[in-house]
């Protein structure tokens, strides 16, 4: 992916959608160890670490592959497995 900022903007939007689908507010993220301001930045597309992404996936009980699939602009592309 050439433009990683687009990846993180899409990721932030997807994380926001996950939060809204579960009925949680940004303030509710305090109980998971995230400040409201930090959460706002994540949803706005601030780059996050793999550790943060894994924690977010755990919060919403969603596999990471489902969270990041298609964010590179190629929703149907799958990783090829070598035998």
PDB file of N, CA and C in Angstrom:
ATOM      1  N   UNK A   1       0.854  -1.180   0.000  1.00  0.00           N
ATOM      2  CA  UNK A   1       0.000   0.000   0.000  1.00  0.00           C
ATOM      3  C   UNK A   1       0.889   1.228   0.000  1.00  0.00           C
ATOM      4  N   UNK A   2       0.638   2.092  -0.900  1.00  0.00           N
ATOM      5  CA  UNK A   2       1.470   3.279  -1.031  1.00  0.00           C
ATOM      6  C   UNK A   2       1.135   4.350  -0.014  1.00  0.00           C
ATOM      7  N   UNK A   3      -0.123   4.561   0.218  1.00  0.00           N
ATOM      8  CA  UNK A   3      -0.523   5.675   1.073  1.00  0.00           C
ATOM      9  C   UNK A   3      -1.052   5.144   2.399  1.00  0.00           C
ATOM     10  N   UNK A   4      -0.145   5.002   3.363  1.00  0.00           N
ATOM     11  CA  UNK A   4      -0.562   4.433   4.639  1.00  0.00           C
ATOM     12  C   UNK A   4      -1.520   5.339   5.402  1.00  0.00           C
ATOM     13  N   UNK A   5      -1.495   6.649   5.130  1.00  0.00           N
ATOM     14  CA  UNK A   5      -2.439   7.528   5.822  1.00  0.00           C
ATOM     15  C   UNK A   5      -3.876   7.170   5.449  1.00  0.00           C
ATOM     16  N   UNK A   6      -4.102   6.769   4.197  1.00  0.00           N
ATOM     17  CA  UNK A   6      -5.447   6.344   3.780  1.00  0.00           C
ATOM     18  C   UNK A   6      -5.844   5.060   4.499  1.00  0.00           C
ATOM     19  N   UNK A   7      -4.893   4.161   4.669  1.00  0.00           N
ATOM     20  CA  UNK A   7      -5.156   2.921   5.391  1.00  0.00           C
ATOM     21  C   UNK A   7      -5.643   3.231   6.802  1.00  0.00           C
ATOM     22  N   UNK A   8      -4.943   4.127   7.515  1.00  0.00           N
ATOM     23  CA  UNK A   8      -5.317   4.433   8.891  1.00  0.00           C
ATOM     24  C   UNK A   8      -6.622   5.221   8.972  1.00  0.00           C
ATOM     25  N   UNK A   9      -6.909   6.057   7.977  1.00  0.00           N
ATOM     26  CA  UNK A   9      -8.206   6.742   7.958  1.00  0.00           C
ATOM     27  C   UNK A   9      -9.342   5.730   7.805  1.00  0.00           C
ATOM     28  N   UNK A  10      -9.150   4.775   6.919  1.00  0.00           N
ATOM     29  CA  UNK A  10     -10.166   3.727   6.736  1.00  0.00           C
ATOM     30  C   UNK A  10     -10.284   2.854   7.976  1.00  0.00           C
ATOM     31  N   UNK A  11      -9.140   2.548   8.586  1.00  0.00           N
ATOM     32  CA  UNK A  11      -9.154   1.757   9.807  1.00  0.00           C
ATOM     33  C   UNK A  11      -9.902   2.500  10.914  1.00  0.00           C
ATOM     34  N   UNK A  12      -9.639   3.789  11.057  1.00  0.00           N
ATOM     35  CA  UNK A  12     -10.338   4.583  12.059  1.00  0.00           C
ATOM     36  C   UNK A  12     -11.839   4.590  11.851  1.00  0.00           C
ATOM     37  N   UNK A  13     -12.245   4.714  10.598  1.00  0.00           N
ATOM     38  CA  UNK A  13     -13.680   4.699  10.280  1.00  0.00           C
ATOM     39  C   UNK A  13     -14.290   3.341  10.618  1.00  0.00           C
ATOM     40  N   UNK A  14     -13.549   2.288  10.341  1.00  0.00           N
ATOM     41  CA  UNK A  14     -14.054   0.945  10.642  1.00  0.00           C
ATOM     42  C   UNK A  14     -14.152   0.724  12.150  1.00  0.00           C
ATOM     43  N   UNK A  15     -13.179   1.202  12.889  1.00  0.00           N
ATOM     44  CA  UNK A  15     -13.204   1.079  14.346  1.00  0.00           C
ATOM     45  C   UNK A  15     -14.379   1.876  14.922  1.00  0.00           C
ATOM     46  N   UNK A  16     -14.618   3.053  14.373  1.00  0.00           N
ATOM     47  CA  UNK A  16     -15.758   3.853  14.820  1.00  0.00           C
ATOM     48  C   UNK A  16     -17.062   3.111  14.567  1.00  0.00           C
ATOM     49  N   UNK A  17     -17.170   2.498  13.394  1.00  0.00           N
ATOM     50  CA  UNK A  17     -18.376   1.739  13.057  1.00  0.00           C
ATOM     51  C   UNK A  17     -18.562   0.565  14.026  1.00  0.00           C
ATOM     52  N   UNK A  18     -17.484  -0.123  14.356  1.00  0.00           N
ATOM     53  CA  UNK A  18     -17.560  -1.227  15.321  1.00  0.00           C
ATOM     54  C   UNK A  18     -18.064  -0.722  16.667  1.00  0.00           C
ATOM     55  N   UNK A  19     -17.511   0.395  17.104  1.00  0.00           N
ATOM     56  CA  UNK A  19     -17.916   0.964  18.402  1.00  0.00           C
ATOM     57  C   UNK A  19     -19.400   1.326  18.378  1.00  0.00           C
ATOM     58  N   UNK A  20     -19.821   1.974  17.315  1.00  0.00           N
ATOM     59  CA  UNK A  20     -21.226   2.383  17.224  1.00  0.00           C
ATOM     60  C   UNK A  20     -22.162   1.171  17.144  1.00  0.00           C
ATOM     61  N   UNK A  21     -21.742   0.132  16.442  1.00  0.00           N
ATOM     62  CA  UNK A  21     -22.575  -1.071  16.321  1.00  0.00           C
ATOM     63  C   UNK A  21     -22.770  -1.761  17.665  1.00  0.00           C
ATOM     64  N   UNK A  22     -21.806  -1.618  18.547  1.00  0.00           N
ATOM     65  CA  UNK A  22     -21.928  -2.236  19.870  1.00  0.00           C
ATOM     66  C   UNK A  22     -22.639  -1.320  20.857  1.00  0.00           C
ATOM     67  N   UNK A  23     -22.983  -0.108  20.420  1.00  0.00           N
ATOM     68  CA  UNK A  23     -23.696   0.817  21.282  1.00  0.00           C
ATOM     69  C   UNK A  23     -22.811   1.511  22.310  1.00  0.00           C
ATOM     70  N   UNK A  24     -21.510   1.461  22.096  1.00  0.00           N
ATOM     71  CA  UNK A  24     -20.574   2.098  23.035  1.00  0.00           C
ATOM     72  C   UNK A  24     -20.313   3.535  22.604  1.00  0.00           C
ATOM     73  N   UNK A  25     -20.071   4.390  23.579  1.00  0.00           N
ATOM     74  CA  UNK A  25     -19.686   5.768  23.294  1.00  0.00           C
ATOM     75  C   UNK A  25     -18.170   5.884  23.421  1.00  0.00           C
ATOM     76  N   UNK A  26     -17.632   7.003  22.961  1.00  0.00           N
ATOM     77  CA  UNK A  26     -16.197   7.225  23.145  1.00  0.00           C
ATOM     78  C   UNK A  26     -15.865   7.267  24.635  1.00  0.00           C
ATOM     79  N   UNK A  27     -16.757   7.778  25.428  1.00  0.00           N
ATOM     80  CA  UNK A  27     -16.541   7.823  26.879  1.00  0.00           C
ATOM     81  C   UNK A  27     -16.486   6.417  27.477  1.00  0.00           C
ATOM     82  N   UNK A  28     -17.226   5.481  26.888  1.00  0.00           N
ATOM     83  CA  UNK A  28     -17.198   4.096  27.360  1.00  0.00           C
ATOM     84  C   UNK A  28     -15.817   3.469  27.185  1.00  0.00           C
ATOM     85  N   UNK A  29     -15.033   4.002  26.279  1.00  0.00           N
ATOM     86  CA  UNK A  29     -13.699   3.451  26.033  1.00  0.00           C
ATOM     87  C   UNK A  29     -12.759   3.694  27.215  1.00  0.00           C
ATOM     88  N   UNK A  30     -13.148   4.600  28.110  1.00  0.00           N
ATOM     89  CA  UNK A  30     -12.376   4.812  29.343  1.00  0.00           C
ATOM     90  C   UNK A  30     -12.257   3.524  30.142  1.00  0.00           C
ATOM     91  N   UNK A  31     -13.319   2.746  30.154  1.00  0.00           N
ATOM     92  CA  UNK A  31     -13.302   1.493  30.929  1.00  0.00           C
ATOM     93  C   UNK A  31     -12.362   0.453  30.317  1.00  0.00           C
ATOM     94  N   UNK A  32     -11.914   0.711  29.086  1.00  0.00           N
ATOM     95  CA  UNK A  32     -10.972  -0.194  28.424  1.00  0.00           C
ATOM     96  C   UNK A  32      -9.551   0.366  28.430  1.00  0.00           C
ATOM     97  N   UNK A  33      -9.376   1.494  29.109  1.00  0.00           N
ATOM     98  CA  UNK A  33      -8.043   2.071  29.239  1.00  0.00           C
ATOM     99  C   UNK A  33      -7.683   3.128  28.215  1.00  0.00           C
ATOM    100  N   UNK A  34      -8.646   3.627  27.465  1.00  0.00           N
ATOM    101  CA  UNK A  34      -8.378   4.651  26.455  1.00  0.00           C
ATOM    102  C   UNK A  34      -9.053   5.958  26.842  1.00  0.00           C
ATOM    103  N   UNK A  35      -8.317   7.055  26.749  1.00  0.00           N
ATOM    104  CA  UNK A  35      -8.934   8.357  27.001  1.00  0.00           C
ATOM    105  C   UNK A  35      -9.836   8.708  25.815  1.00  0.00           C
ATOM    106  N   UNK A  36     -10.781   9.582  26.055  1.00  0.00           N
ATOM    107  CA  UNK A  36     -11.689  10.014  24.989  1.00  0.00           C
ATOM    108  C   UNK A  36     -10.878  10.674  23.876  1.00  0.00           C
ATOM    109  N   UNK A  37      -9.928  11.503  24.244  1.00  0.00           N
ATOM    110  CA  UNK A  37      -9.118  12.212  23.246  1.00  0.00           C
ATOM    111  C   UNK A  37      -8.321  11.228  22.381  1.00  0.00           C
ATOM    112  N   UNK A  38      -7.721  10.235  23.012  1.00  0.00           N
ATOM    113  CA  UNK A  38      -6.961   9.243  22.252  1.00  0.00           C
ATOM    114  C   UNK A  38      -7.901   8.491  21.310  1.00  0.00           C
ATOM    115  N   UNK A  39      -9.059   8.102  21.814  1.00  0.00           N
ATOM    116  CA  UNK A  39     -10.013   7.356  20.992  1.00  0.00           C
ATOM    117  C   UNK A  39     -10.467   8.194  19.803  1.00  0.00           C
ATOM    118  N   UNK A  40     -10.673   9.494  20.016  1.00  0.00           N
ATOM    119  CA  UNK A  40     -11.044  10.381  18.917  1.00  0.00           C
ATOM    120  C   UNK A  40      -9.963  10.385  17.844  1.00  0.00           C
ATOM    121  N   UNK A  41      -8.714  10.387  18.275  1.00  0.00           N
ATOM    122  CA  UNK A  41      -7.605  10.372  17.318  1.00  0.00           C
ATOM    123  C   UNK A  41      -7.573   9.061  16.536  1.00  0.00           C
ATOM    124  N   UNK A  42      -7.798   7.951  17.211  1.00  0.00           N
ATOM    125  CA  UNK A  42      -7.828   6.647  16.539  1.00  0.00           C
ATOM    126  C   UNK A  42      -8.909   6.655  15.465  1.00  0.00           C
ATOM    127  N   UNK A  43     -10.094   7.102  15.827  1.00  0.00           N
ATOM    128  CA  UNK A  43     -11.207   7.115  14.874  1.00  0.00           C
ATOM    129  C   UNK A  43     -10.987   8.118  13.745  1.00  0.00           C
ATOM    130  N   UNK A  44     -10.154   9.116  13.981  1.00  0.00           N
ATOM    131  CA  UNK A  44      -9.851  10.109  12.942  1.00  0.00           C
ATOM    132  C   UNK A  44      -8.739   9.636  12.010  1.00  0.00           C
ATOM    133  N   UNK A  45      -8.120   8.485  12.333  1.00  0.00           N
ATOM    134  CA  UNK A  45      -7.104   7.948  11.443  1.00  0.00           C
ATOM    135  C   UNK A  45      -5.682   8.051  11.942  1.00  0.00           C
ATOM    136  N   UNK A  46      -5.492   8.319  13.220  1.00  0.00           N
ATOM    137  CA  UNK A  46      -4.142   8.346  13.788  1.00  0.00           C
ATOM    138  C   UNK A  46      -3.537   6.945  13.682  1.00  0.00           C
ATOM    139  N   UNK A  47      -2.285   6.835  13.221  1.00  0.00           N
ATOM    140  CA  UNK A  47      -1.656   5.510  13.166  1.00  0.00           C
ATOM    141  C   UNK A  47      -1.604   4.875  14.554  1.00  0.00           C
ATOM    142  N   UNK A  48      -1.904   3.593  14.611  1.00  0.00           N
ATOM    143  CA  UNK A  48      -1.880   2.861  15.876  1.00  0.00           C
ATOM    144  C   UNK A  48      -0.935   1.674  15.750  1.00  0.00           C
ATOM    145  N   UNK A  49      -0.527   1.156  16.878  1.00  0.00           N
ATOM    146  CA  UNK A  49       0.373   0.003  16.888  1.00  0.00           C
ATOM    147  C   UNK A  49      -0.428  -1.286  16.721  1.00  0.00           C
ATOM    148  N   UNK A  50       0.284  -2.337  16.420  1.00  0.00           N
ATOM    149  CA  UNK A  50      -0.345  -3.649  16.327  1.00  0.00           C
ATOM    150  C   UNK A  50      -0.949  -4.045  17.668  1.00  0.00           C
ATOM    151  N   UNK A  51      -0.261  -3.740  18.742  1.00  0.00           N
ATOM    152  CA  UNK A  51      -0.769  -4.050  20.085  1.00  0.00           C
ATOM    153  C   UNK A  51      -2.113  -3.355  20.334  1.00  0.00           C
ATOM    154  N   UNK A  52      -2.212  -2.090  19.942  1.00  0.00           N
ATOM    155  CA  UNK A  52      -3.471  -1.356  20.111  1.00  0.00           C
ATOM    156  C   UNK A  52      -4.564  -1.983  19.252  1.00  0.00           C
ATOM    157  N   UNK A  53      -4.224  -2.331  18.023  1.00  0.00           N
ATOM    158  CA  UNK A  53      -5.210  -2.965  17.148  1.00  0.00           C
ATOM    159  C   UNK A  53      -5.706  -4.274  17.751  1.00  0.00           C
ATOM    160  N   UNK A  54      -4.806  -5.072  18.288  1.00  0.00           N
ATOM    161  CA  UNK A  54      -5.206  -6.330  18.917  1.00  0.00           C
ATOM    162  C   UNK A  54      -6.116  -6.081  20.120  1.00  0.00           C
ATOM    163  N   UNK A  55      -5.817  -5.080  20.922  1.00  0.00           N
ATOM    164  CA  UNK A  55      -6.675  -4.755  22.073  1.00  0.00           C
ATOM    165  C   UNK A  55      -8.064  -4.329  21.612  1.00  0.00           C
ATOM    166  N   UNK A  56      -8.115  -3.521  20.561  1.00  0.00           N
ATOM    167  CA  UNK A  56      -9.401  -3.062  20.037  1.00  0.00           C
ATOM    168  C   UNK A  56     -10.210  -4.252  19.515  1.00  0.00           C
ATOM    169  N   UNK A  57      -9.550  -5.161  18.826  1.00  0.00           N
ATOM    170  CA  UNK A  57     -10.240  -6.354  18.328  1.00  0.00           C
ATOM    171  C   UNK A  57     -10.803  -7.166  19.487  1.00  0.00           C
ATOM    172  N   UNK A  58     -10.048  -7.260  20.554  1.00  0.00           N
ATOM    173  CA  UNK A  58     -10.510  -7.993  21.733  1.00  0.00           C
ATOM    174  C   UNK A  58     -11.724  -7.292  22.365  1.00  0.00           C
ATOM    175  N   UNK A  59     -11.671  -5.968  22.448  1.00  0.00           N
ATOM    176  CA  UNK A  59     -12.785  -5.201  23.028  1.00  0.00           C
ATOM    177  C   UNK A  59     -14.087  -5.513  22.289  1.00  0.00           C
ATOM    178  N   UNK A  60     -14.010  -5.546  20.959  1.00  0.00           N
ATOM    179  CA  UNK A  60     -15.215  -5.741  20.157  1.00  0.00           C
ATOM    180  C   UNK A  60     -15.423  -7.197  19.735  1.00  0.00           C
ATOM    181  N   UNK A  61     -14.614  -8.096  20.271  1.00  0.00           N
ATOM    182  CA  UNK A  61     -14.727  -9.530  19.965  1.00  0.00           C
ATOM    183  C   UNK A  61     -14.785  -9.775  18.461  1.00  0.00           C
ATOM    184  N   UNK A  62     -13.859  -9.140  17.753  1.00  0.00           N
ATOM    185  CA  UNK A  62     -13.817  -9.220  16.301  1.00  0.00           C
ATOM    186  C   UNK A  62     -12.431  -9.671  15.854  1.00  0.00           C
ATOM    187  N   UNK A  63     -12.349 -10.659  14.975  1.00  0.00           N
ATOM    188  CA  UNK A  63     -11.033 -11.080  14.480  1.00  0.00           C
ATOM    189  C   UNK A  63     -10.331  -9.939  13.737  1.00  0.00           C
ATOM    190  N   UNK A  64      -9.031  -9.827  13.945  1.00  0.00           N
ATOM    191  CA  UNK A  64      -8.286  -8.757  13.304  1.00  0.00           C
ATOM    192  C   UNK A  64      -8.407  -8.814  11.788  1.00  0.00           C
ATOM    193  N   UNK A  65      -8.440 -10.007  11.224  1.00  0.00           N
ATOM    194  CA  UNK A  65      -8.541 -10.108   9.769  1.00  0.00           C
ATOM    195  C   UNK A  65      -9.820  -9.435   9.258  1.00  0.00           C
ATOM    196  N   UNK A  66     -10.897  -9.511  10.038  1.00  0.00           N
ATOM    197  CA  UNK A  66     -12.147  -8.858   9.634  1.00  0.00           C
ATOM    198  C   UNK A  66     -12.052  -7.335   9.742  1.00  0.00           C
ATOM    199  N   UNK A  67     -11.255  -6.866  10.672  1.00  0.00           N
ATOM    200  CA  UNK A  67     -11.118  -5.419  10.875  1.00  0.00           C
ATOM    201  C   UNK A  67     -10.291  -4.786   9.762  1.00  0.00           C
ATOM    202  N   UNK A  68      -9.241  -5.454   9.316  1.00  0.00           N
ATOM    203  CA  UNK A  68      -8.342  -4.844   8.332  1.00  0.00           C
ATOM    204  C   UNK A  68      -8.631  -5.252   6.891  1.00  0.00           C
ATOM    205  N   UNK A  69      -9.452  -6.281   6.696  1.00  0.00           N
ATOM    206  CA  UNK A  69      -9.718  -6.756   5.328  1.00  0.00           C
ATOM    207  C   UNK A  69     -10.274  -5.636   4.453  1.00  0.00           C
ATOM    208  N   UNK A  70      -9.631  -5.454   3.308  1.00  0.00           N
ATOM    209  CA  UNK A  70     -10.106  -4.483   2.330  1.00  0.00           C
ATOM    210  C   UNK A  70      -9.618  -3.068   2.543  1.00  0.00           C
ATOM    211  N   UNK A  71      -8.918  -2.800   3.619  1.00  0.00           N
ATOM    212  CA  UNK A  71      -8.477  -1.430   3.885  1.00  0.00           C
ATOM    213  C   UNK A  71      -7.394  -0.966   2.928  1.00  0.00           C
ATOM    214  N   UNK A  72      -6.760  -1.895   2.236  1.00  0.00           N
ATOM    215  CA  UNK A  72      -5.726  -1.530   1.274  1.00  0.00           C
ATOM    216  C   UNK A  72      -6.321  -1.196  -0.091  1.00  0.00           C
ATOM    217  N   UNK A  73      -7.648  -1.218  -0.179  1.00  0.00           N
ATOM    218  CA  UNK A  73      -8.318  -0.895  -1.431  1.00  0.00           C
ATOM    219  C   UNK A  73      -8.582  -2.101  -2.301  1.00  0.00           C
ATOM    220  N   UNK A  74      -8.205  -3.290  -1.831  1.00  0.00           N
ATOM    221  CA  UNK A  74      -8.407  -4.528  -2.584  1.00  0.00           C
ATOM    222  C   UNK A  74      -9.205  -5.505  -1.736  1.00  0.00           C
ATOM    223  N   UNK A  75     -10.526  -5.320  -1.629  1.00  0.00           N
ATOM    224  CA  UNK A  75     -11.332  -6.143  -0.729  1.00  0.00           C
ATOM    225  C   UNK A  75     -11.349  -7.629  -1.057  1.00  0.00           C
ATOM    226  N   UNK A  76     -11.121  -8.006  -2.294  1.00  0.00           N
ATOM    227  CA  UNK A  76     -11.226  -9.422  -2.655  1.00  0.00           C
ATOM    228  C   UNK A  76      -9.890 -10.143  -2.651  1.00  0.00           C
ATOM    229  N   UNK A  77      -8.811  -9.400  -2.553  1.00  0.00           N
ATOM    230  CA  UNK A  77      -7.496 -10.030  -2.585  1.00  0.00           C
ATOM    231  C   UNK A  77      -7.250 -10.783  -1.302  1.00  0.00           C
ATOM    232  N   UNK A  78      -6.742 -11.984  -1.413  1.00  0.00           N
ATOM    233  CA  UNK A  78      -6.420 -12.808  -0.254  1.00  0.00           C
ATOM    234  C   UNK A  78      -4.954 -13.144  -0.294  1.00  0.00           C
ATOM    235  N   UNK A  79      -4.391 -13.321   0.863  1.00  0.00           N
ATOM    236  CA  UNK A  79      -2.990 -13.740   0.934  1.00  0.00           C
ATOM    237  C   UNK A  79      -2.871 -15.141   0.384  1.00  0.00           C
ATOM    238  N   UNK A  80      -1.856 -15.366  -0.413  1.00  0.00           N
ATOM    239  CA  UNK A  80      -1.628 -16.703  -0.955  1.00  0.00           C
ATOM    240  C   UNK A  80      -0.803 -17.489   0.044  1.00  0.00           C
ATOM    241  N   UNK A  81      -1.194 -18.702   0.243  1.00  0.00           N
ATOM    242  CA  UNK A  81      -0.477 -19.568   1.174  1.00  0.00           C
ATOM    243  C   UNK A  81       0.455 -20.466   0.385  1.00  0.00           C
ATOM    244  N   UNK A  82       1.650 -20.573   0.878  1.00  0.00           N
ATOM    245  CA  UNK A  82       2.595 -21.485   0.215  1.00  0.00           C
ATOM    246  C   UNK A  82       2.476 -22.858   0.856  1.00  0.00           C
ATOM    247  N   UNK A  83       2.644 -23.877   0.040  1.00  0.00           N
ATOM    248  CA  UNK A  83       2.498 -25.243   0.530  1.00  0.00           C
ATOM    249  C   UNK A  83       3.807 -25.813   0.984  1.00  0.00           C
TER     250      UNK A  83
END
